[in-house]
Amino acid sequence: MKKAEAELNSAMMASGDIPMEIHTRIGINTGSMVVGNMGTDNKMNYTIMGNDVNLAARLEGVNKQYGTWILVSEETWNDTDNIFAGRKLDLVRVVGINKPVQLYNILDVYSDAPPNVLKLCEYFNQAVDAYQKRQFKEAYLLFDKCLKLDPEDKPSRIFINRINTLIKEGIPENWTGVINLTSK
């Protein structure tokens, strides 16, 4: 979808059909839901409902906080059979859902991903594992390697800033690594 979006933007910008590029954020979750016409004879809508749908909607919005375009839940990530190049982000508690969710950021289709993207995913995943084990110096060095591959990588900057704060201020006694998100 993001590749089609890039092609569409290129064509529409070249033809002057749009004043600026269109960019979409995507949140995907796997689970149970109810889909169909709902309501009364006076007011009926085709809609989708359920906790798993709500989580997908929250993930779409969480992209803003990480500077990412595609976020998926662990449930979805585990169902993809490694066809995507991606990285593990935080374990988060999103607004309205108490159970923490492991986030994954899809960057490309694995078979199409350039070597630098694959390397970034490798370093980043190692860095997150080190971070979650409180091995902050190792995590910092790995996130720094990610920034050398992509100086604009916002998730690496977020983790580096977080590590700097934890080192400076100390690790709270109740630190679990779970991030409580306060906005949709």
C-alpha atoms as a PDB file:
ATOM      1  CA  MET A   1       0.000   0.000   0.000  1.00  0.00           C
ATOM      2  CA  LYS A   2       2.809   2.445   0.847  1.00  0.00           C
ATOM      3  CA  LYS A   3       4.573   1.616  -2.445  1.00  0.00           C
ATOM      4  CA  ALA A   4       1.357   2.254  -4.376  1.00  0.00           C
ATOM      5  CA  GLU A   5       0.966   5.501  -2.439  1.00  0.00           C
ATOM      6  CA  ALA A   6       4.458   6.623  -3.525  1.00  0.00           C
ATOM      7  CA  GLU A   7       3.663   5.848  -7.169  1.00  0.00           C
ATOM      8  CA  LEU A   8       0.335   7.657  -6.930  1.00  0.00           C
ATOM      9  CA  ASN A   9       1.986  10.688  -5.323  1.00  0.00           C
ATOM     10  CA  SER A  10       4.617  10.812  -8.036  1.00  0.00           C
ATOM     11  CA  ALA A  11       2.053  10.697 -10.838  1.00  0.00           C
ATOM     12  CA  MET A  12      -0.356  13.147  -9.210  1.00  0.00           C
ATOM     13  CA  MET A  13       2.373  15.642  -8.312  1.00  0.00           C
ATOM     14  CA  ALA A  14       3.790  15.484 -11.855  1.00  0.00           C
ATOM     15  CA  SER A  15       0.365  16.149 -13.353  1.00  0.00           C
ATOM     16  CA  GLY A  16      -0.398  18.918 -10.862  1.00  0.00           C
ATOM     17  CA  ASP A  17      -3.492  17.134  -9.558  1.00  0.00           C
ATOM     18  CA  ILE A  18      -2.484  17.637  -5.919  1.00  0.00           C
ATOM     19  CA  PRO A  19      -0.651  20.517  -4.203  1.00  0.00           C
ATOM     20  CA  MET A  20       1.306  18.197  -1.871  1.00  0.00           C
ATOM     21  CA  GLU A  21       1.914  14.503  -1.406  1.00  0.00           C
ATOM     22  CA  ILE A  22      -0.589  12.276   0.390  1.00  0.00           C
ATOM     23  CA  HIS A  23       0.790  10.176   3.263  1.00  0.00           C
ATOM     24  CA  THR A  24      -1.196   7.575   5.179  1.00  0.00           C
ATOM     25  CA  ARG A  25      -0.497   5.851   8.471  1.00  0.00           C
ATOM     26  CA  ILE A  26      -1.526   2.227   8.891  1.00  0.00           C
ATOM     27  CA  GLY A  27      -2.404   0.257  12.025  1.00  0.00           C
ATOM     28  CA  ILE A  28      -3.088  -3.478  11.749  1.00  0.00           C
ATOM     29  CA  ASN A  29      -4.225  -5.957  14.366  1.00  0.00           C
ATOM     30  CA  THR A  30      -5.433  -9.536  14.064  1.00  0.00           C
ATOM     31  CA  GLY A  31      -8.439 -10.735  16.034  1.00  0.00           C
ATOM     32  CA  SER A  32     -12.196 -11.094  16.353  1.00  0.00           C
ATOM     33  CA  MET A  33     -14.630  -8.431  15.230  1.00  0.00           C
ATOM     34  CA  VAL A  34     -18.193  -7.870  14.103  1.00  0.00           C
ATOM     35  CA  VAL A  35     -18.676  -6.516  10.574  1.00  0.00           C
ATOM     36  CA  GLY A  36     -21.907  -5.588   8.825  1.00  0.00           C
ATOM     37  CA  ASN A  37     -24.998  -3.427   8.818  1.00  0.00           C
ATOM     38  CA  MET A  38     -25.848  -2.280  12.331  1.00  0.00           C
ATOM     39  CA  GLY A  39     -28.550  -0.084  13.741  1.00  0.00           C
ATOM     40  CA  THR A  40     -32.281   0.264  13.301  1.00  0.00           C
ATOM     41  CA  ASP A  41     -34.591   0.677  10.335  1.00  0.00           C
ATOM     42  CA  ASN A  42     -34.398   4.452  10.898  1.00  0.00           C
ATOM     43  CA  LYS A  43     -30.638   4.638  11.044  1.00  0.00           C
ATOM     44  CA  MET A  44     -28.428   1.875   9.690  1.00  0.00           C
ATOM     45  CA  ASN A  45     -24.679   1.934   9.002  1.00  0.00           C
ATOM     46  CA  TYR A  46     -22.215  -0.579   7.658  1.00  0.00           C
ATOM     47  CA  THR A  47     -19.512  -0.680  10.314  1.00  0.00           C
ATOM     48  CA  ILE A  48     -16.950  -2.747  12.135  1.00  0.00           C
ATOM     49  CA  MET A  49     -16.784  -3.202  15.914  1.00  0.00           C
ATOM     50  CA  GLY A  50     -14.728  -4.961  18.550  1.00  0.00           C
ATOM     51  CA  ASN A  51     -11.702  -4.578  20.818  1.00  0.00           C
ATOM     52  CA  ASP A  52      -9.342  -5.861  18.137  1.00  0.00           C
ATOM     53  CA  VAL A  53     -10.627  -3.228  15.699  1.00  0.00           C
ATOM     54  CA  ASN A  54     -10.172  -0.541  18.351  1.00  0.00           C
ATOM     55  CA  LEU A  55      -6.564  -1.632  18.846  1.00  0.00           C
ATOM     56  CA  ALA A  56      -5.868  -1.382  15.100  1.00  0.00           C
ATOM     57  CA  ALA A  57      -7.302   2.148  15.115  1.00  0.00           C
ATOM     58  CA  ARG A  58      -5.087   3.072  18.072  1.00  0.00           C
ATOM     59  CA  LEU A  59      -2.007   1.660  16.314  1.00  0.00           C
ATOM     60  CA  GLU A  60      -2.689   3.879  13.297  1.00  0.00           C
ATOM     61  CA  GLY A  61      -2.542   6.927  15.559  1.00  0.00           C
ATOM     62  CA  VAL A  62       0.488   5.711  17.509  1.00  0.00           C
ATOM     63  CA  ASN A  63       2.501   6.001  14.279  1.00  0.00           C
ATOM     64  CA  LYS A  64       2.541   9.781  14.867  1.00  0.00           C
ATOM     65  CA  GLN A  65       4.401   9.354  18.133  1.00  0.00           C
ATOM     66  CA  TYR A  66       7.092   7.131  16.623  1.00  0.00           C
ATOM     67  CA  GLY A  67       7.453   8.823  13.239  1.00  0.00           C
ATOM     68  CA  THR A  68       6.494   5.549  11.532  1.00  0.00           C
ATOM     69  CA  TRP A  69       3.994   4.651   8.806  1.00  0.00           C
ATOM     70  CA  ILE A  70       2.984   1.038   9.514  1.00  0.00           C
ATOM     71  CA  LEU A  71       2.502  -0.425  12.982  1.00  0.00           C
ATOM     72  CA  VAL A  72       1.194  -3.895  13.710  1.00  0.00           C
ATOM     73  CA  SER A  73       0.463  -5.814  16.885  1.00  0.00           C
ATOM     74  CA  GLU A  74       2.465  -8.848  17.947  1.00  0.00           C
ATOM     75  CA  GLU A  75      -0.497 -11.045  17.005  1.00  0.00           C
ATOM     76  CA  THR A  76      -0.356  -9.761  13.437  1.00  0.00           C
ATOM     77  CA  TRP A  77       3.457  -9.815  13.274  1.00  0.00           C
ATOM     78  CA  ASN A  78       3.511 -13.472  14.302  1.00  0.00           C
ATOM     79  CA  ASP A  79       1.019 -14.332  11.541  1.00  0.00           C
ATOM     80  CA  THR A  80       3.117 -12.820   8.715  1.00  0.00           C
ATOM     81  CA  ASP A  81       5.577 -15.720   8.312  1.00  0.00           C
ATOM     82  CA  ASN A  82       8.566 -13.336   8.139  1.00  0.00           C
ATOM     83  CA  ILE A  83       7.555 -11.855   4.785  1.00  0.00           C
ATOM     84  CA  PHE A  84       8.169  -8.323   6.076  1.00  0.00           C
ATOM     85  CA  ALA A  85      11.321  -6.504   7.076  1.00  0.00           C
ATOM     86  CA  GLY A  86      10.424  -4.920  10.370  1.00  0.00           C
ATOM     87  CA  ARG A  87      11.471  -4.101  13.863  1.00  0.00           C
ATOM     88  CA  LYS A  88      10.166  -4.515  17.359  1.00  0.00           C
ATOM     89  CA  LEU A  89       9.378  -1.215  19.073  1.00  0.00           C
ATOM     90  CA  ASP A  90       7.932  -0.768  22.541  1.00  0.00           C
ATOM     91  CA  LEU A  91       5.584  -2.737  24.666  1.00  0.00           C
ATOM     92  CA  VAL A  92       2.795  -0.158  24.998  1.00  0.00           C
ATOM     93  CA  ARG A  93      -0.483   0.359  26.754  1.00  0.00           C
ATOM     94  CA  VAL A  94      -2.683   2.312  24.332  1.00  0.00           C
ATOM     95  CA  VAL A  95      -5.552   4.589  25.325  1.00  0.00           C
ATOM     96  CA  GLY A  96      -8.610   2.556  26.280  1.00  0.00           C
ATOM     97  CA  ILE A  97      -6.850  -0.831  26.336  1.00  0.00           C
ATOM     98  CA  ASN A  98      -5.200  -1.960  29.578  1.00  0.00           C
ATOM     99  CA  LYS A  99      -3.259  -4.981  28.331  1.00  0.00           C
ATOM    100  CA  PRO A 100       0.200  -3.996  26.999  1.00  0.00           C
ATOM    101  CA  VAL A 101       0.781  -4.681  23.296  1.00  0.00           C
ATOM    102  CA  GLN A 102       4.128  -5.334  21.637  1.00  0.00           C
ATOM    103  CA  LEU A 103       4.465  -3.013  18.642  1.00  0.00           C
ATOM    104  CA  TYR A 104       6.187  -3.901  15.393  1.00  0.00           C
ATOM    105  CA  ASN A 105       7.060  -1.447  12.643  1.00  0.00           C
ATOM    106  CA  ILE A 106       6.941  -2.826   9.101  1.00  0.00           C
ATOM    107  CA  LEU A 107       9.480  -1.132   6.825  1.00  0.00           C
ATOM    108  CA  ASP A 108       9.315  -3.189   3.623  1.00  0.00           C
ATOM    109  CA  VAL A 109       8.566  -6.548   2.087  1.00  0.00           C
ATOM    110  CA  TYR A 110      11.572  -8.644   3.124  1.00  0.00           C
ATOM    111  CA  SER A 111      12.431  -9.785  -0.423  1.00  0.00           C
ATOM    112  CA  ASP A 112      12.335  -6.167  -1.696  1.00  0.00           C
ATOM    113  CA  ALA A 113      14.131  -4.495   1.212  1.00  0.00           C
ATOM    114  CA  PRO A 114      17.472  -2.835   0.470  1.00  0.00           C
ATOM    115  CA  PRO A 115      20.467  -4.091   2.493  1.00  0.00           C
ATOM    116  CA  ASN A 116      20.604  -0.947   4.650  1.00  0.00           C
ATOM    117  CA  VAL A 117      16.973  -1.450   5.736  1.00  0.00           C
ATOM    118  CA  LEU A 118      17.656  -5.081   6.641  1.00  0.00           C
ATOM    119  CA  LYS A 119      20.739  -4.032   8.614  1.00  0.00           C
ATOM    120  CA  LEU A 120      18.783  -1.290  10.383  1.00  0.00           C
ATOM    121  CA  CYS A 121      16.156  -3.867  11.395  1.00  0.00           C
ATOM    122  CA  GLU A 122      18.854  -6.214  12.679  1.00  0.00           C
ATOM    123  CA  TYR A 123      20.581  -3.531  14.781  1.00  0.00           C
ATOM    124  CA  PHE A 124      17.305  -2.077  16.001  1.00  0.00           C
ATOM    125  CA  ASN A 125      15.900  -5.432  17.142  1.00  0.00           C
ATOM    126  CA  GLN A 126      19.142  -6.181  18.998  1.00  0.00           C
ATOM    127  CA  ALA A 127      18.994  -2.713  20.562  1.00  0.00           C
ATOM    128  CA  VAL A 128      15.399  -3.151  21.770  1.00  0.00           C
ATOM    129  CA  ASP A 129      16.272  -6.539  23.283  1.00  0.00           C
ATOM    130  CA  ALA A 130      19.210  -4.957  25.134  1.00  0.00           C
ATOM    131  CA  TYR A 131      17.017  -2.011  26.227  1.00  0.00           C
ATOM    132  CA  GLN A 132      14.338  -4.331  27.633  1.00  0.00           C
ATOM    133  CA  LYS A 133      17.056  -6.189  29.584  1.00  0.00           C
ATOM    134  CA  ARG A 134      18.263  -2.828  30.997  1.00  0.00           C
ATOM    135  CA  GLN A 135      21.553  -3.123  29.088  1.00  0.00           C
ATOM    136  CA  PHE A 136      21.356   0.562  28.223  1.00  0.00           C
ATOM    137  CA  LYS A 137      24.943   1.181  27.074  1.00  0.00           C
ATOM    138  CA  GLU A 138      24.767  -1.694  24.593  1.00  0.00           C
ATOM    139  CA  ALA A 139      21.322  -0.539  23.436  1.00  0.00           C
ATOM    140  CA  TYR A 140      22.594   3.023  22.996  1.00  0.00           C
ATOM    141  CA  LEU A 141      25.481   1.880  20.781  1.00  0.00           C
ATOM    142  CA  LEU A 142      23.154  -0.209  18.626  1.00  0.00           C
ATOM    143  CA  PHE A 143      20.615   2.616  18.241  1.00  0.00           C
ATOM    144  CA  ASP A 144      23.529   4.857  17.275  1.00  0.00           C
ATOM    145  CA  LYS A 145      24.434   2.344  14.528  1.00  0.00           C
ATOM    146  CA  CYS A 146      20.836   2.632  13.306  1.00  0.00           C
ATOM    147  CA  LEU A 147      21.232   6.408  13.080  1.00  0.00           C
ATOM    148  CA  LYS A 148      24.405   5.981  11.050  1.00  0.00           C
ATOM    149  CA  LEU A 149      22.360   3.931   8.569  1.00  0.00           C
ATOM    150  CA  ASP A 150      19.444   6.388   8.642  1.00  0.00           C
ATOM    151  CA  PRO A 151      20.145   9.736  10.357  1.00  0.00           C
ATOM    152  CA  GLU A 152      16.418  10.611  10.172  1.00  0.00           C
ATOM    153  CA  ASP A 153      15.224   7.474  12.023  1.00  0.00           C
ATOM    154  CA  LYS A 154      12.880   8.862  14.676  1.00  0.00           C
ATOM    155  CA  PRO A 155      12.402   5.598  16.651  1.00  0.00           C
ATOM    156  CA  SER A 156      16.181   5.347  17.205  1.00  0.00           C
ATOM    157  CA  ARG A 157      16.242   8.954  18.420  1.00  0.00           C
ATOM    158  CA  ILE A 158      13.318   8.289  20.766  1.00  0.00           C
ATOM    159  CA  PHE A 159      15.090   5.335  22.370  1.00  0.00           C
ATOM    160  CA  ILE A 160      18.405   7.192  22.639  1.00  0.00           C
ATOM    161  CA  ASN A 161      16.671  10.123  24.361  1.00  0.00           C
ATOM    162  CA  ARG A 162      14.894   7.710  26.694  1.00  0.00           C
ATOM    163  CA  ILE A 163      18.154   5.942  27.544  1.00  0.00           C
ATOM    164  CA  ASN A 164      19.862   9.270  28.238  1.00  0.00           C
ATOM    165  CA  THR A 165      17.039  10.172  30.631  1.00  0.00           C
ATOM    166  CA  LEU A 166      17.161   6.784  32.400  1.00  0.00           C
ATOM    167  CA  ILE A 167      20.936   7.030  32.833  1.00  0.00           C
ATOM    168  CA  LYS A 168      20.761  10.646  34.031  1.00  0.00           C
ATOM    169  CA  GLU A 169      17.756  10.329  36.352  1.00  0.00           C
ATOM    170  CA  GLY A 170      18.089   6.670  37.317  1.00  0.00           C
ATOM    171  CA  ILE A 171      15.829   3.736  36.619  1.00  0.00           C
ATOM    172  CA  PRO A 172      12.581   3.883  38.607  1.00  0.00           C
ATOM    173  CA  GLU A 173      12.060   0.929  40.953  1.00  0.00           C
ATOM    174  CA  ASN A 174       8.880  -0.099  39.168  1.00  0.00           C
ATOM    175  CA  TRP A 175      10.342   0.260  35.635  1.00  0.00           C
ATOM    176  CA  THR A 176       8.987  -2.453  33.350  1.00  0.00           C
ATOM    177  CA  GLY A 177       9.726  -0.877  30.003  1.00  0.00           C
ATOM    178  CA  VAL A 178       5.993  -0.627  29.248  1.00  0.00           C
ATOM    179  CA  ILE A 179       5.100   2.746  27.755  1.00  0.00           C
ATOM    180  CA  ASN A 180       1.705   4.178  28.697  1.00  0.00           C
ATOM    181  CA  LEU A 181       0.439   6.207  25.762  1.00  0.00           C
ATOM    182  CA  THR A 182      -1.825   9.088  26.681  1.00  0.00           C
ATOM    183  CA  SER A 183      -3.121  10.182  23.287  1.00  0.00           C
ATOM    184  CA  LYS A 184      -4.832   8.471  20.386  1.00  0.00           C
END
